[in-house]
Amino acid sequence: MKYLILISVLLVSACSSTHKTPSTFDISDIMNIIALSEENAPNGIIGTFTLPIKASAIQRRNLYLNTEVDYRDRRNITVAISPKLIPAFTKKYGSSPERYFINKTVSVTGEAKRMKIYFFFNDKKNSKILFSNTYSSNVVRSNQSIKLI
């Protein structure tokens, strides 16, 4: 009798459905992107993200597009663009990407991930001063990974 109960329990539990979190996301709400990236830390979330760009900067040859004017703002998401793509973007849009994307909305395919941000002084990392931010951490390496909406 106890084996019949055990087999019944195993059969019922094997047939129950399990909730699986999707591995890719299509998200346009910045706070949802940040919350999901925090939930999945240290891993990120892969998907297509719709982001309004408010500011940009070039640091150590990389281009960074930010969803907030202050990149240190907790609500900010940063998109990193490889320096190799800057000439292609300039040719395509007729303007440098650090100016062109300001006040525009982009769709970015990649990984959003919480990352530690270190401050540099005279090209030396200051390991004592850092904060975390959400990045679309896969550096955009193709014009296909970022689109204007």
C-alpha atoms as a PDB file:
ATOM      1  CA  MET A   1       0.000   0.000   0.000  1.00  0.00           C
ATOM      2  CA  LYS A   2       2.774   2.429   0.873  1.00  0.00           C
ATOM      3  CA  TYR A   3       4.419   1.687  -2.506  1.00  0.00           C
ATOM      4  CA  LEU A   4       1.149   2.526  -4.270  1.00  0.00           C
ATOM      5  CA  ILE A   5       1.055   5.898  -2.477  1.00  0.00           C
ATOM      6  CA  LEU A   6       4.719   6.540  -3.283  1.00  0.00           C
ATOM      7  CA  ILE A   7       4.241   5.683  -6.955  1.00  0.00           C
ATOM      8  CA  SER A   8       1.113   7.881  -7.087  1.00  0.00           C
ATOM      9  CA  VAL A   9       2.959  10.825  -5.572  1.00  0.00           C
ATOM     10  CA  LEU A  10       5.873  10.401  -7.975  1.00  0.00           C
ATOM     11  CA  LEU A  11       3.526  10.100 -10.950  1.00  0.00           C
ATOM     12  CA  VAL A  12       1.541  13.214  -9.993  1.00  0.00           C
ATOM     13  CA  SER A  13       4.688  15.258  -9.320  1.00  0.00           C
ATOM     14  CA  ALA A  14       6.259  14.148 -12.601  1.00  0.00           C
ATOM     15  CA  CYS A  15       3.189  15.264 -14.539  1.00  0.00           C
ATOM     16  CA  SER A  16       2.948  18.690 -12.935  1.00  0.00           C
ATOM     17  CA  SER A  17       4.056  21.611 -15.047  1.00  0.00           C
ATOM     18  CA  THR A  18       7.016  23.696 -14.066  1.00  0.00           C
ATOM     19  CA  HIS A  19       7.385  27.413 -14.602  1.00  0.00           C
ATOM     20  CA  LYS A  20      10.393  28.244 -16.713  1.00  0.00           C
ATOM     21  CA  THR A  21      11.751  31.754 -16.980  1.00  0.00           C
ATOM     22  CA  PRO A  22      12.286  32.738 -20.618  1.00  0.00           C
ATOM     23  CA  SER A  23      15.897  33.095 -21.632  1.00  0.00           C
ATOM     24  CA  THR A  24      15.294  36.060 -23.906  1.00  0.00           C
ATOM     25  CA  PHE A  25      13.356  39.226 -23.248  1.00  0.00           C
ATOM     26  CA  ASP A  26      11.813  42.024 -25.274  1.00  0.00           C
ATOM     27  CA  ILE A  27      11.561  44.830 -22.749  1.00  0.00           C
ATOM     28  CA  SER A  28      11.087  48.552 -23.049  1.00  0.00           C
ATOM     29  CA  ASP A  29      10.627  49.520 -19.381  1.00  0.00           C
ATOM     30  CA  ILE A  30      14.007  50.495 -17.954  1.00  0.00           C
ATOM     31  CA  MET A  31      13.157  49.675 -14.332  1.00  0.00           C
ATOM     32  CA  ASN A  32      12.022  46.166 -15.395  1.00  0.00           C
ATOM     33  CA  ILE A  33      15.310  45.645 -17.230  1.00  0.00           C
ATOM     34  CA  ILE A  34      17.244  46.721 -14.139  1.00  0.00           C
ATOM     35  CA  ALA A  35      15.111  44.540 -11.814  1.00  0.00           C
ATOM     36  CA  LEU A  36      15.500  41.473 -14.050  1.00  0.00           C
ATOM     37  CA  SER A  37      19.254  41.994 -14.356  1.00  0.00           C
ATOM     38  CA  GLU A  38      19.507  42.240 -10.553  1.00  0.00           C
ATOM     39  CA  GLU A  39      17.414  39.083 -10.107  1.00  0.00           C
ATOM     40  CA  ASN A  40      19.682  37.181 -12.498  1.00  0.00           C
ATOM     41  CA  ALA A  41      22.966  38.511 -11.097  1.00  0.00           C
ATOM     42  CA  PRO A  42      25.758  37.660 -11.572  1.00  0.00           C
ATOM     43  CA  ASN A  43      24.342  36.521 -14.921  1.00  0.00           C
ATOM     44  CA  GLY A  44      22.565  38.953 -17.189  1.00  0.00           C
ATOM     45  CA  ILE A  45      19.433  38.779 -19.273  1.00  0.00           C
ATOM     46  CA  ILE A  46      19.548  38.350 -23.030  1.00  0.00           C
ATOM     47  CA  GLY A  47      17.026  40.123 -25.174  1.00  0.00           C
ATOM     48  CA  THR A  48      16.047  43.098 -27.243  1.00  0.00           C
ATOM     49  CA  PHE A  49      15.737  46.281 -25.198  1.00  0.00           C
ATOM     50  CA  THR A  50      14.069  49.547 -26.169  1.00  0.00           C
ATOM     51  CA  LEU A  51      16.006  52.424 -24.616  1.00  0.00           C
ATOM     52  CA  PRO A  52      15.643  56.224 -24.774  1.00  0.00           C
ATOM     53  CA  ILE A  53      19.112  57.767 -25.061  1.00  0.00           C
ATOM     54  CA  LYS A  54      19.677  60.970 -23.081  1.00  0.00           C
ATOM     55  CA  ALA A  55      23.471  61.235 -22.951  1.00  0.00           C
ATOM     56  CA  SER A  56      26.659  59.807 -24.402  1.00  0.00           C
ATOM     57  CA  ALA A  57      30.366  59.751 -23.708  1.00  0.00           C
ATOM     58  CA  ILE A  58      33.575  58.455 -25.197  1.00  0.00           C
ATOM     59  CA  GLN A  59      35.910  56.935 -22.662  1.00  0.00           C
ATOM     60  CA  ARG A  60      39.075  55.075 -23.580  1.00  0.00           C
ATOM     61  CA  ARG A  61      37.915  54.987 -27.249  1.00  0.00           C
ATOM     62  CA  ASN A  62      34.613  53.228 -26.391  1.00  0.00           C
ATOM     63  CA  LEU A  63      31.310  54.991 -26.998  1.00  0.00           C
ATOM     64  CA  TYR A  64      28.716  54.813 -24.234  1.00  0.00           C
ATOM     65  CA  LEU A  65      25.050  55.699 -24.729  1.00  0.00           C
ATOM     66  CA  ASN A  66      23.155  56.372 -21.498  1.00  0.00           C
ATOM     67  CA  THR A  67      19.455  56.396 -20.648  1.00  0.00           C
ATOM     68  CA  GLU A  68      20.053  59.058 -17.978  1.00  0.00           C
ATOM     69  CA  VAL A  69      22.025  62.302 -18.138  1.00  0.00           C
ATOM     70  CA  ASP A  70      24.138  61.163 -15.170  1.00  0.00           C
ATOM     71  CA  TYR A  71      25.567  57.730 -15.932  1.00  0.00           C
ATOM     72  CA  ARG A  72      25.912  57.062 -12.182  1.00  0.00           C
ATOM     73  CA  ASP A  73      22.139  57.328 -11.717  1.00  0.00           C
ATOM     74  CA  ARG A  74      20.758  54.010 -10.484  1.00  0.00           C
ATOM     75  CA  ARG A  75      18.058  54.183 -13.179  1.00  0.00           C
ATOM     76  CA  ASN A  76      20.650  54.420 -15.949  1.00  0.00           C
ATOM     77  CA  ILE A  77      21.352  51.719 -18.494  1.00  0.00           C
ATOM     78  CA  THR A  78      24.483  52.099 -20.585  1.00  0.00           C
ATOM     79  CA  VAL A  79      25.001  50.713 -24.073  1.00  0.00           C
ATOM     80  CA  ALA A  80      28.654  50.219 -25.016  1.00  0.00           C
ATOM     81  CA  ILE A  81      29.589  50.536 -28.698  1.00  0.00           C
ATOM     82  CA  SER A  82      32.871  49.173 -29.998  1.00  0.00           C
ATOM     83  CA  PRO A  83      35.288  51.829 -31.304  1.00  0.00           C
ATOM     84  CA  LYS A  84      35.519  49.890 -34.582  1.00  0.00           C
ATOM     85  CA  LEU A  85      31.861  50.731 -35.322  1.00  0.00           C
ATOM     86  CA  ILE A  86      32.073  54.489 -34.794  1.00  0.00           C
ATOM     87  CA  PRO A  87      33.225  55.250 -38.386  1.00  0.00           C
ATOM     88  CA  ALA A  88      30.436  53.044 -39.799  1.00  0.00           C
ATOM     89  CA  PHE A  89      27.808  54.815 -37.673  1.00  0.00           C
ATOM     90  CA  THR A  90      29.175  58.216 -38.706  1.00  0.00           C
ATOM     91  CA  LYS A  91      28.969  57.229 -42.368  1.00  0.00           C
ATOM     92  CA  LYS A  92      25.475  55.742 -42.001  1.00  0.00           C
ATOM     93  CA  TYR A  93      23.918  58.635 -40.056  1.00  0.00           C
ATOM     94  CA  GLY A  94      26.013  61.550 -41.319  1.00  0.00           C
ATOM     95  CA  SER A  95      26.903  62.549 -37.764  1.00  0.00           C
ATOM     96  CA  SER A  96      29.013  61.155 -34.960  1.00  0.00           C
ATOM     97  CA  PRO A  97      27.026  58.579 -32.966  1.00  0.00           C
ATOM     98  CA  GLU A  98      27.734  60.291 -29.658  1.00  0.00           C
ATOM     99  CA  ARG A  99      25.681  63.267 -30.934  1.00  0.00           C
ATOM    100  CA  TYR A 100      23.287  61.494 -33.282  1.00  0.00           C
ATOM    101  CA  PHE A 101      21.609  59.163 -30.757  1.00  0.00           C
ATOM    102  CA  ILE A 102      20.889  61.855 -28.129  1.00  0.00           C
ATOM    103  CA  ASN A 103      17.116  62.236 -27.544  1.00  0.00           C
ATOM    104  CA  LYS A 104      16.359  59.233 -29.741  1.00  0.00           C
ATOM    105  CA  THR A 105      15.075  55.782 -28.849  1.00  0.00           C
ATOM    106  CA  VAL A 106      17.073  52.725 -29.847  1.00  0.00           C
ATOM    107  CA  SER A 107      16.431  49.011 -29.902  1.00  0.00           C
ATOM    108  CA  VAL A 108      19.459  47.060 -28.708  1.00  0.00           C
ATOM    109  CA  THR A 109      19.914  43.303 -28.905  1.00  0.00           C
ATOM    110  CA  GLY A 110      22.375  41.872 -26.403  1.00  0.00           C
ATOM    111  CA  GLU A 111      22.791  41.170 -22.710  1.00  0.00           C
ATOM    112  CA  ALA A 112      21.774  43.501 -19.888  1.00  0.00           C
ATOM    113  CA  LYS A 113      23.932  42.850 -16.857  1.00  0.00           C
ATOM    114  CA  ARG A 114      24.885  44.551 -13.604  1.00  0.00           C
ATOM    115  CA  MET A 115      28.515  45.578 -13.801  1.00  0.00           C
ATOM    116  CA  LYS A 116      30.962  47.214 -11.406  1.00  0.00           C
ATOM    117  CA  ILE A 117      32.132  50.592 -12.608  1.00  0.00           C
ATOM    118  CA  TYR A 118      35.605  51.692 -11.583  1.00  0.00           C
ATOM    119  CA  PHE A 119      36.890  55.224 -11.712  1.00  0.00           C
ATOM    120  CA  PHE A 120      40.142  55.931 -13.516  1.00  0.00           C
ATOM    121  CA  PHE A 121      42.585  58.723 -12.828  1.00  0.00           C
ATOM    122  CA  ASN A 122      45.548  59.228 -15.173  1.00  0.00           C
ATOM    123  CA  ASP A 123      44.639  55.909 -16.828  1.00  0.00           C
ATOM    124  CA  LYS A 124      44.955  54.052 -13.522  1.00  0.00           C
ATOM    125  CA  LYS A 125      42.016  52.235 -11.958  1.00  0.00           C
ATOM    126  CA  ASN A 126      41.029  53.379  -8.491  1.00  0.00           C
ATOM    127  CA  SER A 127      39.731  50.145  -6.944  1.00  0.00           C
ATOM    128  CA  LYS A 128      38.437  51.949  -3.855  1.00  0.00           C
ATOM    129  CA  ILE A 129      35.899  54.043  -5.741  1.00  0.00           C
ATOM    130  CA  LEU A 130      33.299  52.044  -7.606  1.00  0.00           C
ATOM    131  CA  PHE A 131      29.568  51.589  -8.050  1.00  0.00           C
ATOM    132  CA  SER A 132      27.284  49.196  -9.903  1.00  0.00           C
ATOM    133  CA  ASN A 133      25.263  49.982 -12.981  1.00  0.00           C
ATOM    134  CA  THR A 134      23.206  48.065 -15.521  1.00  0.00           C
ATOM    135  CA  TYR A 135      24.870  47.719 -18.882  1.00  0.00           C
ATOM    136  CA  SER A 136      23.777  46.265 -22.106  1.00  0.00           C
ATOM    137  CA  SER A 137      27.039  44.529 -21.498  1.00  0.00           C
ATOM    138  CA  ASN A 138      27.704  42.852 -24.810  1.00  0.00           C
ATOM    139  CA  VAL A 139      29.538  45.609 -26.587  1.00  0.00           C
ATOM    140  CA  VAL A 140      27.675  46.435 -29.782  1.00  0.00           C
ATOM    141  CA  ARG A 141      29.940  44.959 -32.442  1.00  0.00           C
ATOM    142  CA  SER A 142      27.550  45.114 -35.374  1.00  0.00           C
ATOM    143  CA  ASN A 143      25.281  47.737 -36.884  1.00  0.00           C
ATOM    144  CA  GLN A 144      22.581  45.043 -36.718  1.00  0.00           C
ATOM    145  CA  SER A 145      22.661  44.977 -32.894  1.00  0.00           C
ATOM    146  CA  ILE A 146      21.395  48.544 -32.482  1.00  0.00           C
ATOM    147  CA  LYS A 147      18.541  50.158 -34.397  1.00  0.00           C
ATOM    148  CA  LEU A 148      16.872  53.520 -34.271  1.00  0.00           C
ATOM    149  CA  ILE A 149      13.167  53.437 -33.470  1.00  0.00           C
END
